[in-house]
PDB file of N, CA and C in Angstrom:
ATOM      1  N   MET A   1     133.076  78.661  84.324  1.00  0.00           N
ATOM      2  CA  MET A   1     133.822  79.885  84.369  1.00  0.00           C
ATOM      3  C   MET A   1     133.373  80.830  83.245  1.00  0.00           C
ATOM      4  N   GLU A   2     133.194  80.283  82.051  1.00  0.00           N
ATOM      5  CA  GLU A   2     132.754  81.094  80.937  1.00  0.00           C
ATOM      6  C   GLU A   2     131.353  81.659  81.175  1.00  0.00           C
ATOM      7  N   LEU A   3     130.534  80.845  81.817  1.00  0.00           N
ATOM      8  CA  LEU A   3     129.172  81.288  82.123  1.00  0.00           C
ATOM      9  C   LEU A   3     129.196  82.465  83.110  1.00  0.00           C
ATOM     10  N   PHE A   4     130.073  82.416  84.077  1.00  0.00           N
ATOM     11  CA  PHE A   4     130.208  83.507  85.040  1.00  0.00           C
ATOM     12  C   PHE A   4     130.698  84.791  84.348  1.00  0.00           C
ATOM     13  N   LEU A   5     131.670  84.655  83.487  1.00  0.00           N
ATOM     14  CA  LEU A   5     132.164  85.831  82.749  1.00  0.00           C
ATOM     15  C   LEU A   5     131.111  86.420  81.853  1.00  0.00           C
ATOM     16  N   ALA A   6     130.346  85.590  81.171  1.00  0.00           N
ATOM     17  CA  ALA A   6     129.291  86.074  80.287  1.00  0.00           C
ATOM     18  C   ALA A   6     128.220  86.779  81.093  1.00  0.00           C
ATOM     19  N   ALA A   7     127.848  86.207  82.235  1.00  0.00           N
ATOM     20  CA  ALA A   7     126.833  86.853  83.073  1.00  0.00           C
ATOM     21  C   ALA A   7     127.335  88.168  83.621  1.00  0.00           C
ATOM     22  N   SER A   8     128.600  88.246  83.999  1.00  0.00           N
ATOM     23  CA  SER A   8     129.124  89.509  84.547  1.00  0.00           C
ATOM     24  C   SER A   8     129.207  90.570  83.467  1.00  0.00           C
ATOM     25  N   PHE A   9     129.591  90.193  82.233  1.00  0.00           N
ATOM     26  CA  PHE A   9     129.604  91.173  81.136  1.00  0.00           C
ATOM     27  C   PHE A   9     128.203  91.664  80.809  1.00  0.00           C
ATOM     28  N   ILE A  10     127.230  90.791  80.834  1.00  0.00           N
ATOM     29  CA  ILE A  10     125.857  91.208  80.582  1.00  0.00           C
ATOM     30  C   ILE A  10     125.365  92.135  81.683  1.00  0.00           C
ATOM     31  N   ALA A  11     125.656  91.791  82.925  1.00  0.00           N
ATOM     32  CA  ALA A  11     125.252  92.643  84.043  1.00  0.00           C
ATOM     33  C   ALA A  11     125.902  94.023  83.961  1.00  0.00           C
ATOM     34  N   LEU A  12     127.184  94.055  83.600  1.00  0.00           N
ATOM     35  CA  LEU A  12     127.888  95.322  83.456  1.00  0.00           C
ATOM     36  C   LEU A  12     127.305  96.154  82.322  1.00  0.00           C
ATOM     37  N   PHE A  13     126.997  95.516  81.208  1.00  0.00           N
ATOM     38  CA  PHE A  13     126.398  96.206  80.067  1.00  0.00           C
ATOM     39  C   PHE A  13     125.042  96.803  80.428  1.00  0.00           C
ATOM     40  N   VAL A  14     124.211  96.026  81.149  1.00  0.00           N
ATOM     41  CA  VAL A  14     122.902  96.508  81.549  1.00  0.00           C
ATOM     42  C   VAL A  14     123.041  97.659  82.533  1.00  0.00           C
ATOM     43  N   PHE A  15     123.991  97.557  83.439  1.00  0.00           N
ATOM     44  CA  PHE A  15     124.204  98.627  84.428  1.00  0.00           C
ATOM     45  C   PHE A  15     124.608  99.921  83.765  1.00  0.00           C
ATOM     46  N   ILE A  16     125.411  99.857  82.708  1.00  0.00           N
ATOM     47  CA  ILE A  16     125.868 101.058  82.024  1.00  0.00           C
ATOM     48  C   ILE A  16     124.807 101.570  81.037  1.00  0.00           C
ATOM     49  N   ALA A  17     124.093 100.675  80.385  1.00  0.00           N
ATOM     50  CA  ALA A  17     123.183 101.062  79.307  1.00  0.00           C
ATOM     51  C   ALA A  17     121.857 101.664  79.777  1.00  0.00           C
ATOM     52  N   ILE A  18     121.415 101.328  80.946  1.00  0.00           N
ATOM     53  CA  ILE A  18     120.127 101.791  81.432  1.00  0.00           C
ATOM     54  C   ILE A  18     120.203 103.253  81.838  1.00  0.00           C
ATOM     55  N   ASP A  19     119.266 104.030  81.365  1.00  0.00           N
ATOM     56  CA  ASP A  19     119.156 105.450  81.705  1.00  0.00           C
ATOM     57  C   ASP A  19     118.503 105.599  83.063  1.00  0.00           C
ATOM     58  N   ARG A  20     119.235 106.092  84.062  1.00  0.00           N
ATOM     59  CA  ARG A  20     118.723 106.173  85.422  1.00  0.00           C
ATOM     60  C   ARG A  20     118.829 107.588  86.002  1.00  0.00           C
ATOM     61  N   PRO A  21     117.947 108.501  85.565  1.00  0.00           N
ATOM     62  CA  PRO A  21     118.010 109.847  86.164  1.00  0.00           C
ATOM     63  C   PRO A  21     117.363 109.836  87.569  1.00  0.00           C
ATOM     64  N   ILE A  22     117.810 110.739  88.410  1.00  0.00           N
ATOM     65  CA  ILE A  22     117.196 110.827  89.747  1.00  0.00           C
ATOM     66  C   ILE A  22     115.902 111.675  89.711  1.00  0.00           C
ATOM     67  N   LEU A  23     115.734 112.414  88.636  1.00  0.00           N
ATOM     68  CA  LEU A  23     114.536 113.241  88.467  1.00  0.00           C
ATOM     69  C   LEU A  23     114.178 113.276  86.992  1.00  0.00           C
ATOM     70  N   LEU A  24     112.880 113.129  86.675  1.00  0.00           N
ATOM     71  CA  LEU A  24     112.420 113.143  85.306  1.00  0.00           C
ATOM     72  C   LEU A  24     111.099 113.858  85.243  1.00  0.00           C
ATOM     73  N   ILE A  25     111.002 114.842  84.341  1.00  0.00           N
ATOM     74  CA  ILE A  25     109.741 115.543  84.074  1.00  0.00           C
ATOM     75  C   ILE A  25     109.538 115.563  82.565  1.00  0.00           C
ATOM     76  N   LYS A  26     108.384 115.048  82.121  1.00  0.00           N
ATOM     77  CA  LYS A  26     108.053 115.052  80.703  1.00  0.00           C
ATOM     78  C   LYS A  26     106.940 116.046  80.456  1.00  0.00           C
ATOM     79  N   PHE A  27     107.124 116.900  79.455  1.00  0.00           N
ATOM     80  CA  PHE A  27     106.155 117.909  79.077  1.00  0.00           C
ATOM     81  C   PHE A  27     105.610 117.575  77.671  1.00  0.00           C
ATOM     82  N   LYS A  28     104.338 117.858  77.464  1.00  0.00           N
ATOM     83  CA  LYS A  28     103.749 117.739  76.132  1.00  0.00           C
ATOM     84  C   LYS A  28     102.775 118.882  75.957  1.00  0.00           C
ATOM     85  N   ASP A  29     103.090 119.778  75.027  1.00  0.00           N
ATOM     86  CA  ASP A  29     102.302 120.971  74.745  1.00  0.00           C
ATOM     87  C   ASP A  29     102.008 121.797  75.983  1.00  0.00           C
ATOM     88  N   GLY A  30     102.987 121.970  76.836  1.00  0.00           N
ATOM     89  CA  GLY A  30     102.871 122.829  78.009  1.00  0.00           C
ATOM     90  C   GLY A  30     102.262 122.142  79.218  1.00  0.00           C
ATOM     91  N   GLN A  31     101.922 120.892  79.152  1.00  0.00           N
ATOM     92  CA  GLN A  31     101.350 120.160  80.284  1.00  0.00           C
ATOM     93  C   GLN A  31     102.354 119.098  80.762  1.00  0.00           C
ATOM     94  N   ILE A  32     102.387 118.880  82.075  1.00  0.00           N
ATOM     95  CA  ILE A  32     103.232 117.838  82.618  1.00  0.00           C
ATOM     96  C   ILE A  32     102.566 116.495  82.388  1.00  0.00           C
ATOM     97  N   VAL A  33     103.251 115.599  81.713  1.00  0.00           N
ATOM     98  CA  VAL A  33     102.706 114.277  81.404  1.00  0.00           C
ATOM     99  C   VAL A  33     103.186 113.258  82.430  1.00  0.00           C
ATOM    100  N   LYS A  34     104.457 113.349  82.829  1.00  0.00           N
ATOM    101  CA  LYS A  34     105.034 112.359  83.727  1.00  0.00           C
ATOM    102  C   LYS A  34     106.022 113.013  84.665  1.00  0.00           C
ATOM    103  N   LYS A  35     105.954 112.641  85.953  1.00  0.00           N
ATOM    104  CA  LYS A  35     106.925 113.111  86.943  1.00  0.00           C
ATOM    105  C   LYS A  35     107.498 111.864  87.619  1.00  0.00           C
ATOM    106  N   LYS A  36     108.805 111.897  87.851  1.00  0.00           N
ATOM    107  CA  LYS A  36     109.461 110.774  88.511  1.00  0.00           C
ATOM    108  C   LYS A  36     110.580 111.320  89.383  1.00  0.00           C
ATOM    109  N   GLY A  37     110.676 110.860  90.583  1.00  0.00           N
ATOM    110  CA  GLY A  37     111.715 111.280  91.500  1.00  0.00           C
ATOM    111  C   GLY A  37     111.238 112.330  92.467  1.00  0.00           C
ATOM    112  N   LYS A  38     112.118 112.745  93.345  1.00  0.00           N
ATOM    113  CA  LYS A  38     111.815 113.757  94.347  1.00  0.00           C
ATOM    114  C   LYS A  38     112.138 115.121  93.772  1.00  0.00           C
ATOM    115  N   ILE A  39     111.065 115.831  93.365  1.00  0.00           N
ATOM    116  CA  ILE A  39     111.206 117.140  92.712  1.00  0.00           C
ATOM    117  C   ILE A  39     110.987 118.245  93.707  1.00  0.00           C
ATOM    118  N   PRO A  40     111.935 119.173  93.839  1.00  0.00           N
ATOM    119  CA  PRO A  40     111.729 120.329  94.722  1.00  0.00           C
ATOM    120  C   PRO A  40     110.491 121.125  94.274  1.00  0.00           C
ATOM    121  N   GLN A  41     109.663 121.519  95.203  1.00  0.00           N
ATOM    122  CA  GLN A  41     108.402 122.203  94.874  1.00  0.00           C
ATOM    123  C   GLN A  41     108.634 123.507  94.133  1.00  0.00           C
ATOM    124  N   GLY A  42     109.646 124.231  94.481  1.00  0.00           N
ATOM    125  CA  GLY A  42     109.916 125.526  93.799  1.00  0.00           C
ATOM    126  C   GLY A  42     110.286 125.303  92.338  1.00  0.00           C
ATOM    127  N   PHE A  43     111.092 124.268  92.071  1.00  0.00           N
ATOM    128  CA  PHE A  43     111.490 123.973  90.691  1.00  0.00           C
ATOM    129  C   PHE A  43     110.301 123.496  89.874  1.00  0.00           C
ATOM    130  N   LEU A  44     109.441 122.649  90.467  1.00  0.00           N
ATOM    131  CA  LEU A  44     108.258 122.181  89.764  1.00  0.00           C
ATOM    132  C   LEU A  44     107.316 123.346  89.471  1.00  0.00           C
ATOM    133  N   HIS A  45     107.141 124.237  90.420  1.00  0.00           N
ATOM    134  CA  HIS A  45     106.275 125.410  90.221  1.00  0.00           C
ATOM    135  C   HIS A  45     106.826 126.303  89.093  1.00  0.00           C
ATOM    136  N   ASP A  46     108.135 126.546  89.130  1.00  0.00           N
ATOM    137  CA  ASP A  46     108.752 127.387  88.096  1.00  0.00           C
ATOM    138  C   ASP A  46     108.647 126.760  86.709  1.00  0.00           C
ATOM    139  N   CYS A  47     108.843 125.443  86.626  1.00  0.00           N
ATOM    140  CA  CYS A  47     108.729 124.746  85.326  1.00  0.00           C
ATOM    141  C   CYS A  47     107.300 124.823  84.789  1.00  0.00           C
ATOM    142  N   THR A  48     106.309 124.672  85.664  1.00  0.00           N
ATOM    143  CA  THR A  48     104.925 124.779  85.196  1.00  0.00           C
ATOM    144  C   THR A  48     104.602 126.186  84.732  1.00  0.00           C
ATOM    145  N   GLU A  49     105.142 127.207  85.422  1.00  0.00           N
ATOM    146  CA  GLU A  49     104.917 128.597  84.993  1.00  0.00           C
ATOM    147  C   GLU A  49     105.576 128.847  83.626  1.00  0.00           C
ATOM    148  N   ILE A  50     106.768 128.328  83.428  1.00  0.00           N
ATOM    149  CA  ILE A  50     107.450 128.488  82.152  1.00  0.00           C
ATOM    150  C   ILE A  50     106.670 127.803  81.038  1.00  0.00           C
ATOM    151  N   SER A  51     106.147 126.621  81.329  1.00  0.00           N
ATOM    152  CA  SER A  51     105.397 125.892  80.302  1.00  0.00           C
ATOM    153  C   SER A  51     104.039 126.532  80.004  1.00  0.00           C
ATOM    154  N   LYS A  52     103.472 127.224  80.982  1.00  0.00           N
ATOM    155  CA  LYS A  52     102.213 127.922  80.724  1.00  0.00           C
ATOM    156  C   LYS A  52     102.437 129.141  79.825  1.00  0.00           C
ATOM    157  N   ARG A  53     103.536 129.847  80.034  1.00  0.00           N
ATOM    158  CA  ARG A  53     103.806 131.055  79.239  1.00  0.00           C
ATOM    159  C   ARG A  53     104.242 130.729  77.833  1.00  0.00           C
ATOM    160  N   THR A  54     105.133 129.742  77.709  1.00  0.00           N
ATOM    161  CA  THR A  54     105.577 129.311  76.376  1.00  0.00           C
ATOM    162  C   THR A  54     105.460 127.785  76.329  1.00  0.00           C
ATOM    163  N   PRO A  55     104.355 127.258  75.829  1.00  0.00           N
ATOM    164  CA  PRO A  55     104.172 125.800  75.802  1.00  0.00           C
ATOM    165  C   PRO A  55     105.236 125.099  74.976  1.00  0.00           C
ATOM    166  N   PHE A  56     105.746 124.000  75.494  1.00  0.00           N
ATOM    167  CA  PHE A  56     106.768 123.235  74.814  1.00  0.00           C
ATOM    168  C   PHE A  56     106.576 121.744  75.109  1.00  0.00           C
ATOM    169  N   SER A  57     107.241 120.928  74.343  1.00  0.00           N
ATOM    170  CA  SER A  57     107.250 119.478  74.548  1.00  0.00           C
ATOM    171  C   SER A  57     108.677 119.013  74.687  1.00  0.00           C
ATOM    172  N   GLY A  58     108.925 118.104  75.624  1.00  0.00           N
ATOM    173  CA  GLY A  58     110.275 117.597  75.828  1.00  0.00           C
ATOM    174  C   GLY A  58     110.448 117.040  77.205  1.00  0.00           C
ATOM    175  N   THR A  59     111.660 116.649  77.536  1.00  0.00           N
ATOM    176  CA  THR A  59     111.956 116.064  78.841  1.00  0.00           C
ATOM    177  C   THR A  59     113.045 116.871  79.555  1.00  0.00           C
ATOM    178  N   VAL A  60     112.916 116.870  80.867  1.00  0.00           N
ATOM    179  CA  VAL A  60     113.908 117.480  81.761  1.00  0.00           C
ATOM    180  C   VAL A  60     114.395 116.333  82.649  1.00  0.00           C
ATOM    181  N   LYS A  61     115.696 116.074  82.625  1.00  0.00           N
ATOM    182  CA  LYS A  61     116.275 115.007  83.427  1.00  0.00           C
ATOM    183  C   LYS A  61     117.410 115.578  84.293  1.00  0.00           C
ATOM    184  N   VAL A  62     117.549 115.003  85.480  1.00  0.00           N
ATOM    185  CA  VAL A  62     118.635 115.376  86.370  1.00  0.00           C
ATOM    186  C   VAL A  62     119.364 114.087  86.759  1.00  0.00           C
ATOM    187  N   TYR A  63     120.689 114.108  86.583  1.00  0.00           N
ATOM    188  CA  TYR A  63     121.511 112.961  86.922  1.00  0.00           C
ATOM    189  C   TYR A  63     122.402 113.312  88.091  1.00  0.00           C
ATOM    190  N   ARG A  64     122.621 112.341  88.942  1.00  0.00           N
ATOM    191  CA  ARG A  64     123.565 112.498  90.045  1.00  0.00           C
ATOM    192  C   ARG A  64     124.949 112.117  89.512  1.00  0.00           C
ATOM    193  N   ASN A  65     125.915 112.966  89.846  1.00  0.00           N
ATOM    194  CA  ASN A  65     127.293 112.750  89.395  1.00  0.00           C
ATOM    195  C   ASN A  65     128.173 112.650  90.646  1.00  0.00           C
ATOM    196  N   ARG A  66     129.216 111.888  90.543  1.00  0.00           N
ATOM    197  CA  ARG A  66     130.070 111.682  91.704  1.00  0.00           C
ATOM    198  C   ARG A  66     130.835 112.951  92.055  1.00  0.00           C
ATOM    199  N   PHE A  67     131.248 113.714  91.064  1.00  0.00           N
ATOM    200  CA  PHE A  67     132.116 114.866  91.320  1.00  0.00           C
ATOM    201  C   PHE A  67     131.375 116.185  91.350  1.00  0.00           C
ATOM    202  N   LYS A  68     130.268 116.283  90.638  1.00  0.00           N
ATOM    203  CA  LYS A  68     129.472 117.502  90.610  1.00  0.00           C
ATOM    204  C   LYS A  68     128.147 117.229  91.302  1.00  0.00           C
ATOM    205  N   PRO A  69     127.500 118.271  91.850  1.00  0.00           N
ATOM    206  CA  PRO A  69     126.246 118.008  92.586  1.00  0.00           C
ATOM    207  C   PRO A  69     125.164 117.387  91.727  1.00  0.00           C
ATOM    208  N   ALA A  70     124.870 117.918  90.572  1.00  0.00           N
ATOM    209  CA  ALA A  70     123.808 117.373  89.719  1.00  0.00           C
ATOM    210  C   ALA A  70     124.017 117.868  88.294  1.00  0.00           C
ATOM    211  N   LYS A  71     123.558 117.065  87.347  1.00  0.00           N
ATOM    212  CA  LYS A  71     123.686 117.438  85.938  1.00  0.00           C
ATOM    213  C   LYS A  71     122.296 117.536  85.347  1.00  0.00           C
ATOM    214  N   LEU A  72     121.951 118.688  84.826  1.00  0.00           N
ATOM    215  CA  LEU A  72     120.649 118.942  84.221  1.00  0.00           C
ATOM    216  C   LEU A  72     120.761 118.683  82.722  1.00  0.00           C
ATOM    217  N   VAL A  73     119.881 117.803  82.204  1.00  0.00           N
ATOM    218  CA  VAL A  73     119.873 117.466  80.798  1.00  0.00           C
ATOM    219  C   VAL A  73     118.468 117.767  80.256  1.00  0.00           C
ATOM    220  N   LEU A  74     118.420 118.589  79.205  1.00  0.00           N
ATOM    221  CA  LEU A  74     117.139 118.959  78.577  1.00  0.00           C
ATOM    222  C   LEU A  74     117.129 118.399  77.162  1.00  0.00           C
ATOM    223  N   SER A  75     115.964 117.962  76.720  1.00  0.00           N
ATOM    224  CA  SER A  75     115.882 117.388  75.383  1.00  0.00           C
ATOM    225  C   SER A  75     116.018 118.478  74.326  1.00  0.00           C
ATOM    226  N   ARG A  76     116.370 118.038  73.125  1.00  0.00           N
ATOM    227  CA  ARG A  76     116.599 118.989  72.039  1.00  0.00           C
ATOM    228  C   ARG A  76     115.290 119.564  71.480  1.00  0.00           C
ATOM    229  N   ASP A  77     114.174 118.960  71.843  1.00  0.00           N
ATOM    230  CA  ASP A  77     112.876 119.458  71.389  1.00  0.00           C
ATOM    231  C   ASP A  77     112.539 120.809  72.016  1.00  0.00           C
ATOM    232  N   ILE A  78     113.116 121.109  73.147  1.00  0.00           N
ATOM    233  CA  ILE A  78     112.842 122.340  73.860  1.00  0.00           C
ATOM    234  C   ILE A  78     113.623 123.472  73.233  1.00  0.00           C
ATOM    235  N   ASP A  79     112.981 124.622  73.032  1.00  0.00           N
ATOM    236  CA  ASP A  79     113.596 125.799  72.457  1.00  0.00           C
ATOM    237  C   ASP A  79     114.740 126.276  73.345  1.00  0.00           C
ATOM    238  N   HIS A  80     115.772 126.889  72.741  1.00  0.00           N
ATOM    239  CA  HIS A  80     116.945 127.309  73.476  1.00  0.00           C
ATOM    240  C   HIS A  80     116.625 128.390  74.522  1.00  0.00           C
ATOM    241  N   LYS A  81     115.719 129.271  74.227  1.00  0.00           N
ATOM    242  CA  LYS A  81     115.348 130.302  75.198  1.00  0.00           C
ATOM    243  C   LYS A  81     114.641 129.678  76.409  1.00  0.00           C
ATOM    244  N   VAL A  82     113.776 128.714  76.140  1.00  0.00           N
ATOM    245  CA  VAL A  82     113.102 128.002  77.232  1.00  0.00           C
ATOM    246  C   VAL A  82     114.106 127.175  78.044  1.00  0.00           C
ATOM    247  N   GLN A  83     115.052 126.551  77.359  1.00  0.00           N
ATOM    248  CA  GLN A  83     116.091 125.795  78.058  1.00  0.00           C
ATOM    249  C   GLN A  83     116.857 126.708  79.020  1.00  0.00           C
ATOM    250  N   GLN A  84     117.185 127.890  78.584  1.00  0.00           N
ATOM    251  CA  GLN A  84     117.921 128.806  79.435  1.00  0.00           C
ATOM    252  C   GLN A  84     117.102 129.237  80.634  1.00  0.00           C
ATOM    253  N   ARG A  85     115.803 129.440  80.441  1.00  0.00           N
ATOM    254  CA  ARG A  85     114.928 129.813  81.557  1.00  0.00           C
ATOM    255  C   ARG A  85     114.837 128.676  82.588  1.00  0.00           C
ATOM    256  N   ILE A  86     114.802 127.439  82.109  1.00  0.00           N
ATOM    257  CA  ILE A  86     114.764 126.286  83.017  1.00  0.00           C
ATOM    258  C   ILE A  86     116.105 126.169  83.759  1.00  0.00           C
ATOM    259  N   ARG A  87     117.210 126.388  83.056  1.00  0.00           N
ATOM    260  CA  ARG A  87     118.524 126.334  83.720  1.00  0.00           C
ATOM    261  C   ARG A  87     118.641 127.422  84.794  1.00  0.00           C
ATOM    262  N   ASN A  88     118.034 128.583  84.534  1.00  0.00           N
ATOM    263  CA  ASN A  88     118.104 129.672  85.500  1.00  0.00           C
ATOM    264  C   ASN A  88     117.354 129.376  86.789  1.00  0.00           C
ATOM    265  N   VAL A  89     116.281 128.610  86.722  1.00  0.00           N
ATOM    266  CA  VAL A  89     115.496 128.311  87.925  1.00  0.00           C
ATOM    267  C   VAL A  89     115.898 126.992  88.586  1.00  0.00           C
ATOM    268  N   PHE A  90     116.833 126.273  87.996  1.00  0.00           N
ATOM    269  CA  PHE A  90     117.227 124.960  88.548  1.00  0.00           C
ATOM    270  C   PHE A  90     117.931 125.145  89.874  1.00  0.00           C
ATOM    271  N   PRO A  91     117.474 124.458  90.939  1.00  0.00           N
ATOM    272  CA  PRO A  91     118.096 124.618  92.267  1.00  0.00           C
ATOM    273  C   PRO A  91     119.298 123.675  92.445  1.00  0.00           C
ATOM    274  N   HIS A  92     120.479 124.116  92.090  1.00  0.00           N
ATOM    275  CA  HIS A  92     121.659 123.270  92.178  1.00  0.00           C
ATOM    276  C   HIS A  92     121.955 122.866  93.620  1.00  0.00           C
ATOM    277  N   LYS A  93     121.653 123.700  94.591  1.00  0.00           N
ATOM    278  CA  LYS A  93     121.962 123.421  95.984  1.00  0.00           C
ATOM    279  C   LYS A  93     121.081 122.326  96.578  1.00  0.00           C
ATOM    280  N   SER A  94     119.945 122.058  95.972  1.00  0.00           N
ATOM    281  CA  SER A  94     119.026 121.018  96.478  1.00  0.00           C
ATOM    282  C   SER A  94     119.518 119.621  96.186  1.00  0.00           C
ATOM    283  N   PHE A  95     120.488 119.469  95.282  1.00  0.00           N
ATOM    284  CA  PHE A  95     120.939 118.149  94.854  1.00  0.00           C
ATOM    285  C   PHE A  95     122.347 117.836  95.291  1.00  0.00           C
ATOM    286  N   LYS A  96     122.797 118.365  96.407  1.00  0.00           N
ATOM    287  CA  LYS A  96     124.164 118.058  96.892  1.00  0.00           C
ATOM    288  C   LYS A  96     124.180 116.716  97.570  1.00  0.00           C
TER     289      LYS A  96
END
């Protein structure tokens, strides 16, 4: 019984602790280093245009939420003006 409880607590901890975004884009000096997930073509094109004009390094993550369509999370390495430009081009309707 104790073994079952320990295993269930470990499984619950791993389920909560693992970072599982539905979309991930990593930038380094204005270039896309890593893409993961199903990225809308318009959003990918707009992000590459933003990174060409103002090169930056950081990550863009999108999480699925039960109550809201999608949550956009940008790393702190990205400048606030660039963050706002990415938020402006984010397609909220594509993630319902």
